[in-house]
Amino acid sequence: MDKVLLVEDEGSIRGFLKINFQRQGFEVVEADNGEDGLRLAYLEKPKFAILDVMLPGIDGFQVCQELRKSFTNMGIIMLTAKGQDMDKIMGLEFGADDYLVKPFNPSELILRVKAISRRMEETEPINKDLIQSGPFKLDLYSQKLFKNSDQIDVTPKEYMLFRMFIENPGKAFSRDELLNLIWGYDFVGDPKIVDVNIRRLRAKIEDNSSSPKYIETVWGTGYRWRVE
């Protein structure tokens, strides 16, 4: 669900827009001044921001400028007063993607947000061979594991274990499940090999393997990848 930030000091307008966005499946966070708008943006990290130009405290231009510095991919639309052509120009110069003149139809605003979303998706690079989680990157093409851009050397079984965990965050795997999935159902060796490989993998990826942060032990069951 895409999240949109509404920064508008007129409660009636803000409430009306909120209802319309929610009907279209958006999650909405709202503020009635620029300072609270910025605070919510840093806290909630919305995909879109709708900013009124005339706000108490810092105005919409300043909010737009600050948001663009921190969120280069955020879609930003400015709401300007009728006939204020300079507002439109300044809004675009400060980094807005689009503007809408009051009064306007909420449906038009939502259509413009969706148009920006489509443009964003078209320009986003897609690398299906790369899985990311926290500081980790797993390159499926080269079968290489990186932490904070540093490559970690892992054995084939450690790689398969790591991939199993990172692709299923929060899922508790039993030792038998991991044994069957990684070593195969016909494996006849010691099942403790799972624990041995988990220990080795932890030693390579954890900041402190005696107090693991990423691969958690699920007592009585097995292991799981911690959800951030």
Protein backbone atom coordinates (compact mmCIF):
# COMPACT_ATOMS: atom_id res chain seq x y z
CA MET A 1 0.00 0.00 0.00
CA ASP A 2 1.52 3.34 -1.09
CA LYS A 3 1.75 6.00 1.60
CA VAL A 4 0.95 9.67 0.95
CA LEU A 5 1.70 12.65 3.19
CA LEU A 6 -0.87 15.48 3.18
CA VAL A 7 0.42 18.82 4.45
CA GLU A 8 -2.51 21.25 4.39
CA ASP A 9 -3.54 23.72 7.10
CA GLU A 10 -7.23 23.80 6.14
CA GLY A 11 -8.77 20.89 8.03
CA SER A 12 -11.79 20.55 5.74
CA ILE A 13 -9.64 20.23 2.62
CA ARG A 14 -7.21 17.87 4.33
CA GLY A 15 -10.01 15.65 5.62
CA PHE A 16 -11.73 15.52 2.23
CA LEU A 17 -8.48 14.58 0.48
CA LYS A 18 -7.71 11.95 3.10
CA ILE A 19 -11.05 10.21 2.53
CA ASN A 20 -10.55 10.19 -1.25
CA PHE A 21 -7.01 8.81 -1.05
CA GLN A 22 -8.06 6.10 1.39
CA ARG A 23 -10.88 5.06 -0.95
CA GLN A 24 -8.24 4.53 -3.63
CA GLY A 25 -6.19 2.27 -1.36
CA PHE A 26 -3.57 4.74 -0.15
CA GLU A 27 -2.30 4.95 3.40
CA VAL A 28 -2.50 8.58 4.55
CA VAL A 29 -0.50 10.56 7.11
CA GLU A 30 -1.36 14.21 7.63
CA ALA A 31 -0.03 17.45 9.07
CA ASP A 32 -1.37 21.00 9.30
CA ASN A 33 1.99 22.82 9.23
CA GLY A 34 5.37 22.51 7.56
CA GLU A 35 7.38 21.52 10.63
CA ASP A 36 5.08 18.59 11.46
CA GLY A 37 5.02 17.66 7.79
CA LEU A 38 8.81 17.29 7.71
CA ARG A 39 8.83 15.38 10.99
CA LEU A 40 6.24 12.91 9.67
CA ALA A 41 8.11 12.54 6.39
CA TYR A 42 11.30 11.46 8.16
CA LEU A 43 9.31 9.17 10.44
CA GLU A 44 6.87 7.60 7.97
CA LYS A 45 8.90 7.83 4.70
CA PRO A 46 5.89 8.25 2.39
CA LYS A 47 6.10 7.61 -1.33
CA PHE A 48 4.22 10.85 -2.11
CA ALA A 49 3.79 14.28 -0.52
CA ILE A 50 0.99 16.75 -1.24
CA LEU A 51 2.07 20.21 -0.05
CA ASP A 52 0.02 23.38 0.21
CA VAL A 53 2.15 26.42 -0.62
CA MET A 54 0.70 28.63 2.13
CA LEU A 55 1.42 26.92 5.44
CA PRO A 56 1.89 28.28 8.97
CA GLY A 57 5.56 28.24 9.99
CA ILE A 58 7.78 27.18 7.13
CA ASP A 59 5.96 27.32 3.81
CA GLY A 60 5.39 24.58 1.25
CA PHE A 61 8.39 25.65 -0.84
CA GLN A 62 10.76 25.13 2.08
CA VAL A 63 9.16 21.79 2.92
CA CYS A 64 9.51 20.72 -0.71
CA GLN A 65 13.16 21.76 -0.80
CA GLU A 66 14.00 19.83 2.38
CA LEU A 67 12.10 16.74 1.26
CA ARG A 68 13.86 16.70 -2.09
CA LYS A 69 17.26 16.79 -0.36
CA SER A 70 16.46 13.72 1.72
CA PHE A 71 14.05 11.79 -0.54
CA THR A 72 15.19 11.99 -4.15
CA ASN A 73 12.55 9.50 -5.33
CA MET A 74 9.55 10.95 -3.48
CA GLY A 75 6.68 12.17 -5.67
CA ILE A 76 5.81 15.76 -4.67
CA ILE A 77 2.79 17.78 -5.79
CA MET A 78 2.29 21.43 -4.78
CA LEU A 79 -1.16 22.95 -4.22
CA THR A 80 -1.12 26.58 -5.36
CA ALA A 81 -3.55 29.49 -5.24
CA LYS A 82 -5.52 30.36 -8.34
CA GLY A 83 -3.65 32.63 -10.72
CA GLN A 84 -0.34 32.50 -8.80
CA ASP A 85 1.90 31.57 -11.72
CA MET A 86 5.04 32.34 -9.71
CA ASP A 87 4.01 29.68 -7.18
CA LYS A 88 3.94 27.09 -9.94
CA ILE A 89 7.38 28.07 -11.20
CA MET A 90 8.91 28.19 -7.73
CA GLY A 91 7.39 24.86 -6.79
CA LEU A 92 9.00 23.16 -9.79
CA GLU A 93 12.32 24.89 -9.12
CA PHE A 94 12.31 23.63 -5.53
CA GLY A 95 11.89 20.06 -6.76
CA ALA A 96 8.14 19.44 -7.09
CA ASP A 97 7.05 16.94 -9.74
CA ASP A 98 3.72 18.64 -10.45
CA TYR A 99 1.32 21.30 -9.18
CA LEU A 100 -2.43 21.73 -8.96
CA VAL A 101 -4.37 24.98 -8.72
CA LYS A 102 -7.09 25.41 -6.09
CA PRO A 103 -9.96 24.71 -6.26
CA PHE A 104 -9.49 21.30 -7.83
CA ASN A 105 -11.20 17.93 -8.15
CA PRO A 106 -9.68 15.34 -5.76
CA SER A 107 -9.95 12.76 -8.53
CA GLU A 108 -7.59 14.82 -10.68
CA LEU A 109 -5.07 14.99 -7.84
CA ILE A 110 -5.19 11.21 -7.38
CA LEU A 111 -4.78 10.68 -11.14
CA ARG A 112 -1.70 12.90 -11.10
CA VAL A 113 -0.25 10.94 -8.17
CA LYS A 114 -0.82 7.70 -10.08
CA ALA A 115 0.80 9.21 -13.20
CA ILE A 116 3.89 10.13 -11.16
CA SER A 117 3.92 6.61 -9.71
CA ARG A 118 3.95 5.10 -13.21
CA ARG A 119 6.84 7.35 -14.25
CA MET A 120 8.75 6.37 -11.12
CA GLU A 121 8.26 2.67 -11.82
CA GLU A 122 9.38 3.07 -15.43
CA THR A 123 12.65 4.72 -14.39
CA GLU A 124 13.44 2.46 -11.43
CA PRO A 125 16.20 -0.01 -12.26
CA ILE A 126 15.04 -3.57 -11.65
CA ASN A 127 17.59 -6.18 -10.69
CA LYS A 128 15.79 -9.44 -10.10
CA ASP A 129 19.09 -11.15 -9.35
CA LEU A 130 19.73 -9.02 -6.26
CA ILE A 131 18.12 -9.57 -2.85
CA GLN A 132 18.67 -6.95 -0.14
CA SER A 133 18.00 -7.07 3.59
CA GLY A 134 19.47 -4.56 5.99
CA PRO A 135 23.23 -4.38 5.36
CA PHE A 136 23.20 -7.54 3.21
CA LYS A 137 23.05 -8.01 -0.54
CA LEU A 138 22.78 -11.42 -2.12
CA ASP A 139 23.67 -11.60 -5.82
CA LEU A 140 21.84 -14.63 -7.20
CA TYR A 141 23.61 -14.44 -10.57
CA SER A 142 27.15 -14.62 -9.19
CA GLN A 143 26.11 -16.33 -5.93
CA LYS A 144 28.05 -13.76 -3.93
CA LEU A 145 27.12 -12.37 -0.51
CA PHE A 146 27.94 -8.84 0.58
CA LYS A 147 27.64 -7.04 3.89
CA ASN A 148 28.00 -3.24 3.76
CA SER A 149 29.56 -3.68 0.28
CA ASP A 150 32.21 -6.11 1.62
CA GLN A 151 32.09 -9.59 0.12
CA ILE A 152 31.71 -12.48 2.56
CA ASP A 153 33.15 -15.83 1.52
CA VAL A 154 30.64 -18.60 2.13
CA THR A 155 30.51 -22.29 1.23
CA PRO A 156 27.76 -23.54 -1.15
CA LYS A 157 25.71 -24.87 1.79
CA GLU A 158 26.13 -21.62 3.76
CA TYR A 159 25.03 -19.71 0.67
CA MET A 160 21.93 -21.89 0.34
CA LEU A 161 21.11 -21.45 4.04
CA PHE A 162 21.52 -17.68 3.82
CA ARG A 163 19.32 -17.52 0.72
CA MET A 164 16.65 -19.64 2.41
CA PHE A 165 16.56 -17.27 5.37
CA ILE A 166 16.70 -13.96 3.49
CA GLU A 167 13.93 -15.01 1.07
CA ASN A 168 11.67 -16.00 3.99
CA PRO A 169 12.13 -13.33 6.68
CA GLY A 170 10.38 -14.14 9.95
CA LYS A 171 9.66 -17.78 9.04
CA ALA A 172 10.78 -20.29 11.66
CA PHE A 173 12.48 -23.28 10.00
CA SER A 174 12.85 -26.52 11.91
CA ARG A 175 16.20 -28.32 11.75
CA ASP A 176 14.55 -31.14 9.78
CA GLU A 177 13.15 -28.65 7.25
CA LEU A 178 16.56 -27.07 6.72
CA LEU A 179 18.20 -30.47 6.49
CA ASN A 180 15.75 -31.65 3.82
CA LEU A 181 15.77 -28.36 1.87
CA ILE A 182 19.54 -27.85 1.85
CA TRP A 183 21.05 -31.34 2.11
CA GLY A 184 18.18 -33.29 0.57
CA TYR A 185 15.71 -35.87 1.81
CA ASP A 186 18.15 -38.71 1.18
CA PHE A 187 20.87 -37.27 3.42
CA VAL A 188 22.13 -39.99 5.79
CA GLY A 189 24.73 -38.08 7.82
CA ASP A 190 24.50 -36.44 11.24
CA PRO A 191 21.53 -33.98 11.40
CA LYS A 192 23.67 -31.77 13.65
CA ILE A 193 25.32 -30.61 10.44
CA VAL A 194 22.56 -27.97 10.31
CA ASP A 195 23.66 -26.47 13.63
CA VAL A 196 27.31 -26.64 12.61
CA ASN A 197 26.66 -24.68 9.40
CA ILE A 198 24.44 -22.15 11.19
CA ARG A 199 27.28 -21.59 13.66
CA ARG A 200 29.77 -21.07 10.83
CA LEU A 201 27.42 -18.76 8.95
CA ARG A 202 26.78 -16.69 12.07
CA ALA A 203 30.52 -16.32 12.61
CA LYS A 204 30.77 -14.78 9.14
CA ILE A 205 27.74 -12.47 9.06
CA GLU A 206 26.98 -11.50 12.66
CA ASP A 207 28.64 -8.59 14.44
CA ASN A 208 28.73 -10.82 17.52
CA SER A 209 28.07 -14.50 16.81
CA SER A 210 27.52 -15.26 20.49
CA SER A 211 24.63 -12.80 20.49
CA PRO A 212 23.19 -13.18 16.96
CA LYS A 213 21.19 -10.30 15.53
CA TYR A 214 20.15 -11.74 12.17
CA ILE A 215 19.79 -15.53 12.46
CA GLU A 216 17.68 -16.08 15.55
CA THR A 217 17.35 -19.34 17.45
CA VAL A 218 13.73 -20.42 17.89
CA TRP A 219 13.88 -22.58 20.97
CA GLY A 220 12.33 -25.98 20.47
CA THR A 221 12.00 -25.41 16.71
CA GLY A 222 15.07 -24.22 14.83
CA TYR A 223 16.05 -20.90 13.30
CA ARG A 224 14.61 -17.85 11.56
CA TRP A 225 15.78 -14.66 9.86
CA ARG A 226 14.95 -11.68 12.02
CA VAL A 227 12.52 -9.20 10.48
CA GLU A 228 13.84 -5.64 10.76
